Protein backbone atom coordinates (compact mmCIF):
# COMPACT_ATOMS: atom_id res chain seq x y z
CA UNK A 1 51.36 17.66 -16.40
CA UNK A 2 52.15 14.17 -16.21
CA UNK A 3 49.26 11.26 -16.71
CA UNK A 4 48.70 10.59 -12.95
CA UNK A 5 48.37 14.47 -12.15
CA UNK A 6 46.03 14.90 -15.09
CA UNK A 7 43.88 12.00 -13.84
CA UNK A 8 43.47 13.54 -10.25
CA UNK A 9 42.96 17.04 -11.80
CA UNK A 10 40.23 15.30 -13.92
CA UNK A 11 38.82 13.51 -10.63
CA UNK A 12 38.85 16.48 -8.69
CA UNK A 13 37.08 18.46 -11.35
CA UNK A 14 34.12 16.04 -11.56
CA UNK A 15 33.64 15.88 -7.86
CA UNK A 16 33.48 19.64 -7.93
CA UNK A 17 30.96 19.68 -10.59
CA UNK A 18 28.67 17.22 -9.33
CA UNK A 19 28.23 17.60 -5.76
CA UNK A 20 25.17 15.63 -5.56
CA UNK A 21 27.29 12.26 -5.89
CA UNK A 22 28.87 13.19 -2.66
CA UNK A 23 25.71 14.28 -0.59
CA UNK A 24 23.69 11.42 1.14
CA UNK A 25 19.92 11.89 1.13
CA UNK A 26 18.19 13.01 4.27
CA UNK A 27 15.54 10.19 4.00
CA UNK A 28 14.98 6.52 2.74
CA UNK A 29 11.84 5.09 1.50
CA UNK A 30 9.82 3.33 3.60
CA UNK A 31 6.86 1.22 3.55
CA UNK A 32 3.89 1.56 1.16
CA UNK A 33 0.35 2.46 2.27
CA UNK A 34 -2.99 1.86 0.68
CA UNK A 35 -6.26 3.87 2.03
CA UNK A 36 -9.64 3.11 0.89
CA UNK A 37 -12.25 5.58 1.82
CA UNK A 38 -15.47 3.76 2.66
CA UNK A 39 -19.09 4.99 2.80
CA UNK A 40 -21.54 2.58 4.58
CA UNK A 41 -25.02 2.29 3.18
CA UNK A 42 -27.80 3.04 5.95
CA UNK A 43 -28.58 0.02 8.36
CA UNK A 44 -25.55 -1.77 6.76
CA UNK A 45 -22.58 -0.92 9.04
CA UNK A 46 -22.89 -4.37 11.22
CA UNK A 47 -23.11 -6.33 7.90
CA UNK A 48 -19.88 -4.80 6.42
CA UNK A 49 -18.03 -4.78 9.57
CA UNK A 50 -18.91 -8.69 9.91
CA UNK A 51 -17.48 -9.06 6.00
CA UNK A 52 -14.29 -7.10 7.13
CA UNK A 53 -13.72 -9.49 10.35
CA UNK A 54 -14.05 -12.57 7.92
CA UNK A 55 -12.68 -12.51 4.36
CA UNK A 56 -11.27 -9.17 4.37
CA UNK A 57 -9.28 -10.16 7.46
CA UNK A 58 -8.28 -13.66 6.22
CA UNK A 59 -6.43 -12.00 3.20
CA UNK A 60 -4.76 -9.42 5.10
CA UNK A 61 -3.57 -11.86 7.79
CA UNK A 62 -2.24 -14.13 4.68
CA UNK A 63 -0.30 -11.05 3.48
CA UNK A 64 1.13 -10.72 7.05
CA UNK A 65 2.06 -14.37 6.94
CA UNK A 66 3.45 -14.10 3.52
CA UNK A 67 5.75 -11.06 4.44
CA UNK A 68 4.00 -8.75 2.16
CA UNK A 69 1.79 -6.84 4.46
CA UNK A 70 3.30 -5.12 7.70
CA UNK A 71 -0.26 -3.71 9.20
CA UNK A 72 -3.65 -3.10 8.46
CA UNK A 73 -6.07 -1.11 10.03
CA UNK A 74 -9.89 -0.32 10.09
CA UNK A 75 -10.26 3.39 10.98
CA UNK A 76 -13.62 5.13 11.76
CA UNK A 77 -13.99 8.56 10.69
CA UNK A 78 -15.43 10.52 13.62
CA UNK A 79 -16.97 14.06 13.21
CA UNK A 80 -17.22 13.51 9.64
CA UNK A 81 -17.38 16.58 7.39
CA UNK A 82 -19.47 16.84 4.15
CA UNK A 83 -18.40 14.08 1.69
CA UNK A 84 -15.99 12.11 4.19
CA UNK A 85 -16.06 8.44 4.46
CA UNK A 86 -17.36 6.56 7.61
CA UNK A 87 -14.43 3.95 7.32
CA UNK A 88 -10.95 4.03 6.01
CA UNK A 89 -9.10 0.64 5.53
CA UNK A 90 -5.40 1.17 5.71
CA UNK A 91 -2.90 -1.76 4.57
CA UNK A 92 0.70 -0.97 5.28
CA UNK A 93 2.88 -3.21 2.70
CA UNK A 94 6.60 -4.04 3.01
CA UNK A 95 6.92 -2.55 -0.29
CA UNK A 96 5.73 -2.27 -3.93
CA UNK A 97 5.09 -6.03 -5.56
CA UNK A 98 6.00 -6.93 -8.96
CA UNK A 99 3.43 -8.32 -11.37
CA UNK A 100 4.73 -11.85 -10.61
CA UNK A 101 4.53 -11.40 -7.02
CA UNK A 102 1.01 -10.17 -7.25
CA UNK A 103 -0.14 -12.87 -9.43
CA UNK A 104 1.32 -15.36 -7.00
CA UNK A 105 -0.36 -13.89 -3.98
CA UNK A 106 -3.75 -13.78 -5.84
CA UNK A 107 -3.23 -17.51 -6.43
CA UNK A 108 -3.20 -17.91 -2.58
CA UNK A 109 -5.99 -15.65 -2.04
CA UNK A 110 -8.27 -17.67 -4.36
CA UNK A 111 -7.13 -20.78 -2.43
CA UNK A 112 -8.14 -19.12 0.94
CA UNK A 113 -11.19 -18.09 -0.11
CA UNK A 114 -12.20 -20.93 -2.58
CA UNK A 115 -12.99 -18.26 -5.30
CA UNK A 116 -11.12 -17.19 -8.19
CA UNK A 117 -10.64 -13.68 -9.35
CA UNK A 118 -13.98 -13.64 -11.23
CA UNK A 119 -15.78 -14.72 -8.40
CA UNK A 120 -14.33 -12.47 -6.02
CA UNK A 121 -15.13 -9.40 -8.24
CA UNK A 122 -18.59 -10.42 -8.19
CA UNK A 123 -18.73 -10.65 -4.51
CA UNK A 124 -17.23 -7.07 -4.34
CA UNK A 125 -20.10 -6.06 -6.39
CA UNK A 126 -22.64 -7.74 -4.21
CA UNK A 127 -21.13 -5.77 -1.20
CA UNK A 128 -22.31 -2.60 -3.04
CA UNK A 129 -25.49 -3.07 -1.05
CA UNK A 130 -23.49 -2.47 2.16
CA UNK A 131 -21.05 0.30 0.98
CA UNK A 132 -19.43 2.42 -1.42
CA UNK A 133 -15.77 2.80 -2.29
CA UNK A 134 -15.54 6.78 -2.35
CA UNK A 135 -11.69 6.85 -3.04
CA UNK A 136 -8.32 5.39 -2.94
CA UNK A 137 -4.94 6.76 -2.01
CA UNK A 138 -1.48 5.34 -2.45
CA UNK A 139 1.23 6.59 -0.48
CA UNK A 140 4.89 5.73 0.58
CA UNK A 141 6.65 6.66 3.94
CA UNK A 142 9.54 8.73 3.46
CA UNK A 143 11.81 8.00 6.66
CA UNK A 144 13.89 10.87 7.75
CA UNK A 145 17.47 9.92 8.94
């Protein structure tokens, strides 16, 4: 067998032994979703909604302007079962961010809210009188072809 024939035979053998290389996936990775489950403290619903309509919304809109956030939603859980949250905050990101991208966005949030990360953490603790964060979930959409 000459060199050219040997090379073709080797290539054919590789193709047959690794069929996954020849196959295309039936999906692509899509956007990334973050869900926060929120339990509202008694008598605090309107106060918490005021916060969401102010600073929380400002941060989400900044993310949209920066091309990081595709959409965001405040969902009310109707006909709750025991242990389910009152609200679900859903934020859809274009993709995962690198550490550098996250830090750059945090600086923009700090400027927007006129509060550094430590002040924002303190403010989050103070919102504990209005709500409890009872869970988070991170998902990535798999878009079928």
